[in-house]
Amino acid sequence: MNIGITGASGLIGRRLSDLALRRGHEVFAFSRTPERGIPGCTMRPFSQDAPPNLEGCEALVHLAGESVLGLWTAAKKQRITQSRILGTRRVAEAIATMRQPPEVLVSGSAIGFYGDGGDSEILESTASGTGFLAQTSRDWEAEALASAAERIVLLRTGLVLAREGGALPLMTRVFRLGLGGKLDSGKQWMSWIHLDDICRLFLFCVENQSLSGPVNGTAPWPVRNADFTKALAARVRRPAFFTVPAFALRWLGEFSHELLDSKRVLPGVASSHGFPFQFAELSPALAELL
């Protein structure tokens, strides 16, 4: 199958491109910097300013978007919103012009869609929450659902654990300095997934024709922040006595809610369709990554 991947130069995009190639697919890799190239892929440009050239793409995985990590200034929030909404709108515009639309559009989304769920288990049928990321995710998904793709999957990704990027390398450096600790009470649930599993799940959504609509991209066993802290500290063999109070995180602006809110998200759809997680539990995932 010819698979287009936007955001192909990002953390998930690069690993997904490699996995798709190894599975025998052809990959059209869309990037803002196509001149840098990705081995084995046909490179095409992607921007928010014009619809991409999707000709030849039998399936499309849409990953392009500004990272949510960091201080949420007004400018950062605007980049987060525009990169998702305008980028997805351009994809939908491109699909609308195609004589043969892709068989499937797997559009990235985020578990930020749900907001703070406390101790409740969150499945794909759970209603959306409130706040900046929840609203952004709703708008983001609406743009994808407006496309003319034959089948549309909305993959709501949790905290992706990877050695190459994302939050884990930063957390690991802090913990190795002996400065690690739980965030506030540590009772909030963290829904995570290993990089290999999220990439395999994206391909699973492409290849499994019975899948459509929202799919939670999280491991089956979320953990509380205090337990995540203990597991990471044990893995790097350092103590983690500190507690970071909520007020100390407020300098991150609204992003602090993503660290303090509780999201006990379960992969109901993936599990019911038989997706085989390689890393269902946190300790083996951290052992492989670190």
C-alpha atoms as a PDB file:
ATOM      1  CA  MET A   1       0.000   0.000   0.000  1.00  0.00           C
ATOM      2  CA  ASN A   2       1.130   3.569  -0.701  1.00  0.00           C
ATOM      3  CA  ILE A   3       0.955   5.412   2.622  1.00  0.00           C
ATOM      4  CA  GLY A   4       1.336   9.164   3.008  1.00  0.00           C
ATOM      5  CA  ILE A   5       2.638  10.391   6.369  1.00  0.00           C
ATOM      6  CA  THR A   6       2.525  14.074   7.281  1.00  0.00           C
ATOM      7  CA  GLY A   7       4.860  15.211  10.035  1.00  0.00           C
ATOM      8  CA  ALA A   8       7.159  12.434   8.861  1.00  0.00           C
ATOM      9  CA  SER A   9      10.266  14.100  10.268  1.00  0.00           C
ATOM     10  CA  GLY A  10       8.832  14.151  13.810  1.00  0.00           C
ATOM     11  CA  LEU A  11       9.316  11.659  16.624  1.00  0.00           C
ATOM     12  CA  ILE A  12       6.422   9.374  15.692  1.00  0.00           C
ATOM     13  CA  GLY A  13       6.645  10.075  11.958  1.00  0.00           C
ATOM     14  CA  ARG A  14      10.213   8.862  11.533  1.00  0.00           C
ATOM     15  CA  ARG A  15       9.661   5.611  13.428  1.00  0.00           C
ATOM     16  CA  LEU A  16       6.340   5.040  11.663  1.00  0.00           C
ATOM     17  CA  SER A  17       7.925   5.617   8.242  1.00  0.00           C
ATOM     18  CA  ASP A  18      10.614   3.058   9.018  1.00  0.00           C
ATOM     19  CA  LEU A  19       8.063   0.550  10.298  1.00  0.00           C
ATOM     20  CA  ALA A  20       5.833   0.972   7.238  1.00  0.00           C
ATOM     21  CA  LEU A  21       8.788   0.440   4.907  1.00  0.00           C
ATOM     22  CA  ARG A  22       9.818  -2.704   6.758  1.00  0.00           C
ATOM     23  CA  ARG A  23       6.238  -3.966   6.451  1.00  0.00           C
ATOM     24  CA  GLY A  24       6.481  -3.645   2.652  1.00  0.00           C
ATOM     25  CA  HIS A  25       4.553  -0.405   2.180  1.00  0.00           C
ATOM     26  CA  GLU A  26       5.655   2.525   0.030  1.00  0.00           C
ATOM     27  CA  VAL A  27       5.899   5.776   1.976  1.00  0.00           C
ATOM     28  CA  PHE A  28       5.287   9.327   0.788  1.00  0.00           C
ATOM     29  CA  ALA A  29       6.836  11.411   3.582  1.00  0.00           C
ATOM     30  CA  PHE A  30       5.437  14.936   3.930  1.00  0.00           C
ATOM     31  CA  SER A  31       7.581  17.453   5.773  1.00  0.00           C
ATOM     32  CA  ARG A  32       8.190  21.185   6.062  1.00  0.00           C
ATOM     33  CA  THR A  33      11.827  20.364   5.227  1.00  0.00           C
ATOM     34  CA  PRO A  34      11.597  17.673   2.524  1.00  0.00           C
ATOM     35  CA  GLU A  35      15.119  18.470   1.366  1.00  0.00           C
ATOM     36  CA  ARG A  36      16.498  16.738   4.464  1.00  0.00           C
ATOM     37  CA  GLY A  37      15.101  13.435   3.272  1.00  0.00           C
ATOM     38  CA  ILE A  38      14.095  10.261   5.089  1.00  0.00           C
ATOM     39  CA  PRO A  39      15.785   7.040   3.903  1.00  0.00           C
ATOM     40  CA  GLY A  40      13.581   4.927   1.655  1.00  0.00           C
ATOM     41  CA  CYS A  41      10.771   7.493   1.429  1.00  0.00           C
ATOM     42  CA  THR A  42       9.530   9.684  -1.410  1.00  0.00           C
ATOM     43  CA  MET A  43       9.650  13.212   0.017  1.00  0.00           C
ATOM     44  CA  ARG A  44       6.947  15.826  -0.532  1.00  0.00           C
ATOM     45  CA  PRO A  45       6.491  19.292   1.024  1.00  0.00           C
ATOM     46  CA  PHE A  46       3.832  20.076   3.613  1.00  0.00           C
ATOM     47  CA  SER A  47       2.691  23.461   4.869  1.00  0.00           C
ATOM     48  CA  GLN A  48      -0.336  25.199   6.329  1.00  0.00           C
ATOM     49  CA  ASP A  49      -0.457  27.543   3.342  1.00  0.00           C
ATOM     50  CA  ALA A  50      -1.561  25.175   0.585  1.00  0.00           C
ATOM     51  CA  PRO A  51      -3.056  21.687   0.161  1.00  0.00           C
ATOM     52  CA  PRO A  52      -0.382  18.969  -0.138  1.00  0.00           C
ATOM     53  CA  ASN A  53       0.005  16.766  -3.193  1.00  0.00           C
ATOM     54  CA  LEU A  54      -1.619  13.509  -2.080  1.00  0.00           C
ATOM     55  CA  GLU A  55      -1.748  11.843  -5.497  1.00  0.00           C
ATOM     56  CA  GLY A  56      -0.882   8.181  -5.227  1.00  0.00           C
ATOM     57  CA  CYS A  57      -1.634   7.953  -1.493  1.00  0.00           C
ATOM     58  CA  GLU A  58      -3.936   5.016  -0.819  1.00  0.00           C
ATOM     59  CA  ALA A  59      -3.832   5.788   2.907  1.00  0.00           C
ATOM     60  CA  LEU A  60      -2.842   8.876   4.844  1.00  0.00           C
ATOM     61  CA  VAL A  61      -1.538   9.218   8.399  1.00  0.00           C
ATOM     62  CA  HIS A  62      -1.754  12.851   9.465  1.00  0.00           C
ATOM     63  CA  LEU A  63       0.689  13.693  12.269  1.00  0.00           C
ATOM     64  CA  ALA A  64       1.809  17.247  11.500  1.00  0.00           C
ATOM     65  CA  GLY A  65       1.444  19.685  14.391  1.00  0.00           C
ATOM     66  CA  GLU A  66       3.309  21.872  16.867  1.00  0.00           C
ATOM     67  CA  SER A  67       4.514  20.043  19.993  1.00  0.00           C
ATOM     68  CA  VAL A  68       2.457  20.808  23.104  1.00  0.00           C
ATOM     69  CA  LEU A  69       5.503  20.503  25.365  1.00  0.00           C
ATOM     70  CA  GLY A  70       6.762  23.761  26.859  1.00  0.00           C
ATOM     71  CA  LEU A  71       5.532  27.083  28.157  1.00  0.00           C
ATOM     72  CA  TRP A  72       2.093  27.885  26.769  1.00  0.00           C
ATOM     73  CA  THR A  73       2.501  31.528  25.855  1.00  0.00           C
ATOM     74  CA  ALA A  74      -0.123  33.166  23.655  1.00  0.00           C
ATOM     75  CA  ALA A  75       2.140  32.641  20.634  1.00  0.00           C
ATOM     76  CA  LYS A  76       2.757  28.975  21.518  1.00  0.00           C
ATOM     77  CA  LYS A  77      -0.967  28.325  21.905  1.00  0.00           C
ATOM     78  CA  GLN A  78      -1.638  29.946  18.551  1.00  0.00           C
ATOM     79  CA  ARG A  79       0.971  27.693  16.898  1.00  0.00           C
ATOM     80  CA  ILE A  80      -0.539  24.610  18.567  1.00  0.00           C
ATOM     81  CA  THR A  81      -4.026  25.498  17.357  1.00  0.00           C
ATOM     82  CA  GLN A  82      -3.188  26.699  13.856  1.00  0.00           C
ATOM     83  CA  SER A  83      -0.806  23.844  13.059  1.00  0.00           C
ATOM     84  CA  ARG A  84      -3.527  21.308  13.857  1.00  0.00           C
ATOM     85  CA  ILE A  85      -6.614  23.012  12.500  1.00  0.00           C
ATOM     86  CA  LEU A  86      -5.142  24.623   9.390  1.00  0.00           C
ATOM     87  CA  GLY A  87      -2.887  21.656   8.654  1.00  0.00           C
ATOM     88  CA  THR A  88      -5.821  19.224   8.828  1.00  0.00           C
ATOM     89  CA  ARG A  89      -7.987  21.596   6.771  1.00  0.00           C
ATOM     90  CA  ARG A  90      -5.343  21.607   4.029  1.00  0.00           C
ATOM     91  CA  VAL A  91      -5.329  17.812   4.052  1.00  0.00           C
ATOM     92  CA  ALA A  92      -9.134  17.761   3.701  1.00  0.00           C
ATOM     93  CA  GLU A  93      -8.921  20.270   0.833  1.00  0.00           C
ATOM     94  CA  ALA A  94      -6.378  18.076  -0.942  1.00  0.00           C
ATOM     95  CA  ILE A  95      -8.541  14.970  -0.534  1.00  0.00           C
ATOM     96  CA  ALA A  96     -11.550  16.841  -1.933  1.00  0.00           C
ATOM     97  CA  THR A  97      -9.741  17.373  -5.245  1.00  0.00           C
ATOM     98  CA  MET A  98      -8.669  13.752  -5.722  1.00  0.00           C
ATOM     99  CA  ARG A  99     -10.353  11.484  -8.256  1.00  0.00           C
ATOM    100  CA  GLN A 100      -9.493   8.556  -5.987  1.00  0.00           C
ATOM    101  CA  PRO A 101      -9.465   9.641  -2.322  1.00  0.00           C
ATOM    102  CA  PRO A 102      -7.396   7.653   0.178  1.00  0.00           C
ATOM    103  CA  GLU A 103      -9.031   4.513   1.509  1.00  0.00           C
ATOM    104  CA  VAL A 104      -8.371   5.748   5.019  1.00  0.00           C
ATOM    105  CA  LEU A 105      -7.308   8.886   6.840  1.00  0.00           C
ATOM    106  CA  VAL A 106      -5.786   8.210  10.256  1.00  0.00           C
ATOM    107  CA  SER A 107      -5.628  11.638  11.844  1.00  0.00           C
ATOM    108  CA  GLY A 108      -3.645  12.235  14.997  1.00  0.00           C
ATOM    109  CA  SER A 109      -5.430  13.615  18.032  1.00  0.00           C
ATOM    110  CA  ALA A 110      -4.717  13.665  21.771  1.00  0.00           C
ATOM    111  CA  ILE A 111      -6.179  12.390  25.025  1.00  0.00           C
ATOM    112  CA  GLY A 112      -6.276  16.055  26.022  1.00  0.00           C
ATOM    113  CA  PHE A 113      -9.673  15.788  24.293  1.00  0.00           C
ATOM    114  CA  TYR A 114     -11.086  14.357  27.537  1.00  0.00           C
ATOM    115  CA  GLY A 115      -9.920  16.826  30.155  1.00  0.00           C
ATOM    116  CA  ASP A 116      -9.602  15.915  33.843  1.00  0.00           C
ATOM    117  CA  GLY A 117     -11.350  12.612  34.539  1.00  0.00           C
ATOM    118  CA  GLY A 118     -10.344  12.011  38.151  1.00  0.00           C
ATOM    119  CA  ASP A 119     -10.325   8.274  38.917  1.00  0.00           C
ATOM    120  CA  SER A 120     -12.911   7.417  36.264  1.00  0.00           C
ATOM    121  CA  GLU A 121     -11.935   5.101  33.434  1.00  0.00           C
ATOM    122  CA  ILE A 122     -11.995   6.979  30.126  1.00  0.00           C
ATOM    123  CA  LEU A 123     -13.012   5.169  26.946  1.00  0.00           C
ATOM    124  CA  GLU A 124     -13.565   6.425  23.410  1.00  0.00           C
ATOM    125  CA  SER A 125     -17.238   7.057  24.194  1.00  0.00           C
ATOM    126  CA  THR A 126     -16.377   9.458  27.040  1.00  0.00           C
ATOM    127  CA  ALA A 127     -17.446  13.042  26.396  1.00  0.00           C
ATOM    128  CA  SER A 128     -14.928  15.794  25.726  1.00  0.00           C
ATOM    129  CA  GLY A 129     -13.620  17.900  28.588  1.00  0.00           C
ATOM    130  CA  THR A 130     -13.024  21.624  28.953  1.00  0.00           C
ATOM    131  CA  GLY A 131      -9.973  23.800  28.532  1.00  0.00           C
ATOM    132  CA  PHE A 132      -7.595  24.797  25.765  1.00  0.00           C
ATOM    133  CA  LEU A 133      -6.372  21.370  24.686  1.00  0.00           C
ATOM    134  CA  ALA A 134      -9.844  19.813  24.830  1.00  0.00           C
ATOM    135  CA  GLN A 135     -11.250  22.564  22.606  1.00  0.00           C
ATOM    136  CA  THR A 136      -8.278  22.354  20.251  1.00  0.00           C
ATOM    137  CA  SER A 137      -8.687  18.582  19.976  1.00  0.00           C
ATOM    138  CA  ARG A 138     -12.410  18.919  19.204  1.00  0.00           C
ATOM    139  CA  ASP A 139     -11.716  21.450  16.454  1.00  0.00           C
ATOM    140  CA  TRP A 140      -8.830  19.345  15.153  1.00  0.00           C
ATOM    141  CA  GLU A 141     -10.996  16.238  14.902  1.00  0.00           C
ATOM    142  CA  ALA A 142     -13.842  18.171  13.280  1.00  0.00           C
ATOM    143  CA  GLU A 143     -11.530  19.194  10.429  1.00  0.00           C
ATOM    144  CA  ALA A 144     -10.540  15.550   9.879  1.00  0.00           C
ATOM    145  CA  LEU A 145     -14.150  14.351   9.947  1.00  0.00           C
ATOM    146  CA  ALA A 146     -15.020  16.934   7.277  1.00  0.00           C
ATOM    147  CA  SER A 147     -12.700  15.252   4.787  1.00  0.00           C
ATOM    148  CA  ALA A 148     -13.918  13.010   1.975  1.00  0.00           C
ATOM    149  CA  ALA A 149     -11.729  10.060   2.921  1.00  0.00           C
ATOM    150  CA  GLU A 150     -13.575   6.742   2.674  1.00  0.00           C
ATOM    151  CA  ARG A 151     -12.731   5.817   6.284  1.00  0.00           C
ATOM    152  CA  ILE A 152     -11.597   8.156   9.070  1.00  0.00           C
ATOM    153  CA  VAL A 153      -9.829   7.177  12.298  1.00  0.00           C
ATOM    154  CA  LEU A 154      -9.065   9.675  15.074  1.00  0.00           C
ATOM    155  CA  LEU A 155      -6.116   8.330  17.070  1.00  0.00           C
ATOM    156  CA  ARG A 156      -6.044  10.048  20.475  1.00  0.00           C
ATOM    157  CA  THR A 157      -2.480   9.645  21.667  1.00  0.00           C
ATOM    158  CA  GLY A 158      -1.317   9.660  25.276  1.00  0.00           C
ATOM    159  CA  LEU A 159       2.160  10.411  26.656  1.00  0.00           C
ATOM    160  CA  VAL A 160       4.544   8.803  24.165  1.00  0.00           C
ATOM    161  CA  LEU A 161       7.631   7.328  25.831  1.00  0.00           C
ATOM    162  CA  ALA A 162      10.714   7.312  23.599  1.00  0.00           C
ATOM    163  CA  ARG A 163      14.456   7.532  24.041  1.00  0.00           C
ATOM    164  CA  GLU A 164      14.826   9.789  20.992  1.00  0.00           C
ATOM    165  CA  GLY A 165      12.602  12.654  22.093  1.00  0.00           C
ATOM    166  CA  GLY A 166       9.447  13.781  23.811  1.00  0.00           C
ATOM    167  CA  ALA A 167       9.206  14.146  27.581  1.00  0.00           C
ATOM    168  CA  LEU A 168      11.093  11.036  28.710  1.00  0.00           C
ATOM    169  CA  PRO A 169      14.688  12.199  27.995  1.00  0.00           C
ATOM    170  CA  LEU A 170      14.076  15.416  29.944  1.00  0.00           C
ATOM    171  CA  MET A 171      12.518  13.552  32.865  1.00  0.00           C
ATOM    172  CA  THR A 172      15.354  11.028  32.862  1.00  0.00           C
ATOM    173  CA  ARG A 173      18.014  13.737  33.068  1.00  0.00           C
ATOM    174  CA  VAL A 174      16.252  15.316  36.053  1.00  0.00           C
ATOM    175  CA  PHE A 175      15.875  11.969  37.830  1.00  0.00           C
ATOM    176  CA  ARG A 176      19.512  10.999  37.215  1.00  0.00           C
ATOM    177  CA  LEU A 177      20.519  14.197  38.996  1.00  0.00           C
ATOM    178  CA  GLY A 178      18.526  13.017  41.998  1.00  0.00           C
ATOM    179  CA  LEU A 179      16.006  15.820  41.526  1.00  0.00           C
ATOM    180  CA  GLY A 180      13.041  13.705  40.477  1.00  0.00           C
ATOM    181  CA  GLY A 181       9.765  13.653  42.342  1.00  0.00           C
ATOM    182  CA  LYS A 182       6.020  13.338  42.069  1.00  0.00           C
ATOM    183  CA  LEU A 183       3.884  16.226  40.844  1.00  0.00           C
ATOM    184  CA  ASP A 184       1.725  17.633  43.639  1.00  0.00           C
ATOM    185  CA  SER A 185      -0.249  14.777  45.292  1.00  0.00           C
ATOM    186  CA  GLY A 186       0.921  12.266  42.683  1.00  0.00           C
ATOM    187  CA  LYS A 187      -2.574  10.747  42.637  1.00  0.00           C
ATOM    188  CA  GLN A 188      -3.363  11.883  39.086  1.00  0.00           C
ATOM    189  CA  TRP A 189      -3.444   9.158  36.456  1.00  0.00           C
ATOM    190  CA  MET A 190      -0.944   9.207  33.581  1.00  0.00           C
ATOM    191  CA  SER A 191      -1.857   7.451  30.343  1.00  0.00           C
ATOM    192  CA  TRP A 192       1.295   6.571  28.441  1.00  0.00           C
ATOM    193  CA  ILE A 193       2.356   4.443  25.471  1.00  0.00           C
ATOM    194  CA  HIS A 194       5.693   3.158  24.158  1.00  0.00           C
ATOM    195  CA  LEU A 195       6.804   4.702  20.852  1.00  0.00           C
ATOM    196  CA  ASP A 196       6.905   1.304  19.141  1.00  0.00           C
ATOM    197  CA  ASP A 197       3.337   0.525  20.190  1.00  0.00           C
ATOM    198  CA  ILE A 198       1.876   3.833  19.026  1.00  0.00           C
ATOM    199  CA  CYS A 199       3.553   3.415  15.627  1.00  0.00           C
ATOM    200  CA  ARG A 200       2.267  -0.145  15.352  1.00  0.00           C
ATOM    201  CA  LEU A 201      -1.192   1.098  16.340  1.00  0.00           C
ATOM    202  CA  PHE A 202      -1.165   3.751  13.600  1.00  0.00           C
ATOM    203  CA  LEU A 203      -0.413   1.029  11.048  1.00  0.00           C
ATOM    204  CA  PHE A 204      -3.023  -1.242  12.649  1.00  0.00           C
ATOM    205  CA  CYS A 205      -5.604   1.486  12.063  1.00  0.00           C
ATOM    206  CA  VAL A 206      -4.497   1.810   8.437  1.00  0.00           C
ATOM    207  CA  GLU A 207      -4.606  -1.906   7.734  1.00  0.00           C
ATOM    208  CA  ASN A 208      -7.727  -2.882   9.732  1.00  0.00           C
ATOM    209  CA  GLN A 209     -10.749  -1.937   7.634  1.00  0.00           C
ATOM    210  CA  SER A 210     -13.189  -2.456  10.499  1.00  0.00           C
ATOM    211  CA  LEU A 211     -11.713   0.451  12.461  1.00  0.00           C
ATOM    212  CA  SER A 212     -13.149   3.963  12.251  1.00  0.00           C
ATOM    213  CA  GLY A 213     -13.885   6.854  14.568  1.00  0.00           C
ATOM    214  CA  PRO A 214     -11.983   7.596  17.786  1.00  0.00           C
ATOM    215  CA  VAL A 215      -9.273   5.207  19.006  1.00  0.00           C
ATOM    216  CA  ASN A 216      -7.353   5.772  22.245  1.00  0.00           C
ATOM    217  CA  GLY A 217      -3.596   5.468  21.707  1.00  0.00           C
ATOM    218  CA  THR A 218      -2.596   4.493  25.232  1.00  0.00           C
ATOM    219  CA  ALA A 219      -1.211   1.399  26.958  1.00  0.00           C
ATOM    220  CA  PRO A 220      -3.743  -0.838  28.774  1.00  0.00           C
ATOM    221  CA  TRP A 221      -2.281  -0.061  32.203  1.00  0.00           C
ATOM    222  CA  PRO A 222      -2.144   3.669  33.036  1.00  0.00           C
ATOM    223  CA  VAL A 223      -0.398   4.542  36.302  1.00  0.00           C
ATOM    224  CA  ARG A 224      -0.664   7.246  38.930  1.00  0.00           C
ATOM    225  CA  ASN A 225       1.996   9.940  38.797  1.00  0.00           C
ATOM    226  CA  ALA A 226       3.476   8.738  42.118  1.00  0.00           C
ATOM    227  CA  ASP A 227       3.886   5.216  40.696  1.00  0.00           C
ATOM    228  CA  PHE A 228       5.406   6.557  37.476  1.00  0.00           C
ATOM    229  CA  THR A 229       7.875   8.499  39.637  1.00  0.00           C
ATOM    230  CA  LYS A 230       8.835   5.386  41.606  1.00  0.00           C
ATOM    231  CA  ALA A 231       9.279   3.291  38.464  1.00  0.00           C
ATOM    232  CA  LEU A 232      11.469   5.856  36.729  1.00  0.00           C
ATOM    233  CA  ALA A 233      13.559   6.474  39.867  1.00  0.00           C
ATOM    234  CA  ALA A 234      14.095   2.733  40.293  1.00  0.00           C
ATOM    235  CA  ARG A 235      15.114   2.376  36.656  1.00  0.00           C
ATOM    236  CA  VAL A 236      17.812   5.071  36.890  1.00  0.00           C
ATOM    237  CA  ARG A 237      18.743   3.978  40.445  1.00  0.00           C
ATOM    238  CA  ARG A 238      18.241   7.335  42.053  1.00  0.00           C
ATOM    239  CA  PRO A 239      16.047   8.469  44.944  1.00  0.00           C
ATOM    240  CA  ALA A 240      12.988  10.572  44.178  1.00  0.00           C
ATOM    241  CA  PHE A 241      12.058  12.216  47.449  1.00  0.00           C
ATOM    242  CA  PHE A 242      10.906  15.556  46.105  1.00  0.00           C
ATOM    243  CA  THR A 243       7.354  16.742  45.566  1.00  0.00           C
ATOM    244  CA  VAL A 244       6.764  19.483  43.010  1.00  0.00           C
ATOM    245  CA  PRO A 245       3.845  21.546  44.378  1.00  0.00           C
ATOM    246  CA  ALA A 246       1.111  22.656  42.028  1.00  0.00           C
ATOM    247  CA  PHE A 247       1.946  26.349  42.405  1.00  0.00           C
ATOM    248  CA  ALA A 248       5.505  25.698  41.188  1.00  0.00           C
ATOM    249  CA  LEU A 249       4.124  24.390  37.901  1.00  0.00           C
ATOM    250  CA  ARG A 250       1.899  27.405  37.254  1.00  0.00           C
ATOM    251  CA  TRP A 251       4.726  29.208  35.455  1.00  0.00           C
ATOM    252  CA  LEU A 252       4.050  26.791  32.596  1.00  0.00           C
ATOM    253  CA  GLY A 253       0.672  28.488  32.181  1.00  0.00           C
ATOM    254  CA  GLU A 254      -2.234  26.316  31.072  1.00  0.00           C
ATOM    255  CA  PHE A 255       0.165  23.484  30.235  1.00  0.00           C
ATOM    256  CA  SER A 256       0.358  22.835  33.990  1.00  0.00           C
ATOM    257  CA  HIS A 257      -3.157  21.360  33.741  1.00  0.00           C
ATOM    258  CA  GLU A 258      -1.810  18.663  31.440  1.00  0.00           C
ATOM    259  CA  LEU A 259       0.644  17.679  34.195  1.00  0.00           C
ATOM    260  CA  LEU A 260      -1.810  17.870  37.085  1.00  0.00           C
ATOM    261  CA  ASP A 261      -5.078  16.698  35.507  1.00  0.00           C
ATOM    262  CA  SER A 262      -5.954  13.031  35.866  1.00  0.00           C
ATOM    263  CA  LYS A 263      -6.591  10.978  32.721  1.00  0.00           C
ATOM    264  CA  ARG A 264      -7.157   7.274  33.236  1.00  0.00           C
ATOM    265  CA  VAL A 265      -7.528   6.531  29.532  1.00  0.00           C
ATOM    266  CA  LEU A 266      -7.984   2.940  28.370  1.00  0.00           C
ATOM    267  CA  PRO A 267      -7.529   1.642  24.786  1.00  0.00           C
ATOM    268  CA  GLY A 268     -10.996   0.132  24.558  1.00  0.00           C
ATOM    269  CA  VAL A 269     -11.281   0.036  20.753  1.00  0.00           C
ATOM    270  CA  ALA A 270      -7.726  -1.200  20.137  1.00  0.00           C
ATOM    271  CA  SER A 271      -8.116  -3.954  22.729  1.00  0.00           C
ATOM    272  CA  SER A 272     -11.522  -5.070  21.426  1.00  0.00           C
ATOM    273  CA  HIS A 273     -10.030  -5.357  17.924  1.00  0.00           C
ATOM    274  CA  GLY A 274      -7.185  -7.532  19.176  1.00  0.00           C
ATOM    275  CA  PHE A 275      -4.295  -5.091  18.933  1.00  0.00           C
ATOM    276  CA  PRO A 276      -1.251  -6.843  20.496  1.00  0.00           C
ATOM    277  CA  PHE A 277       0.542  -4.390  22.789  1.00  0.00           C
ATOM    278  CA  GLN A 278       4.241  -5.184  23.155  1.00  0.00           C
ATOM    279  CA  PHE A 279       4.532  -2.931  26.202  1.00  0.00           C
ATOM    280  CA  ALA A 280       1.318  -3.115  28.208  1.00  0.00           C
ATOM    281  CA  GLU A 281       2.969  -2.271  31.543  1.00  0.00           C
ATOM    282  CA  LEU A 282       5.255   0.588  32.486  1.00  0.00           C
ATOM    283  CA  SER A 283       8.256  -1.165  34.050  1.00  0.00           C
ATOM    284  CA  PRO A 284       9.085  -3.332  30.986  1.00  0.00           C
ATOM    285  CA  ALA A 285       8.624  -0.271  28.755  1.00  0.00           C
ATOM    286  CA  LEU A 286      11.086   1.796  30.801  1.00  0.00           C
ATOM    287  CA  ALA A 287      13.492  -1.141  30.926  1.00  0.00           C
ATOM    288  CA  GLU A 288      13.532  -1.331  27.128  1.00  0.00           C
ATOM    289  CA  LEU A 289      13.855   2.431  26.667  1.00  0.00           C
ATOM    290  CA  LEU A 290      16.474   3.089  29.358  1.00  0.00           C
END
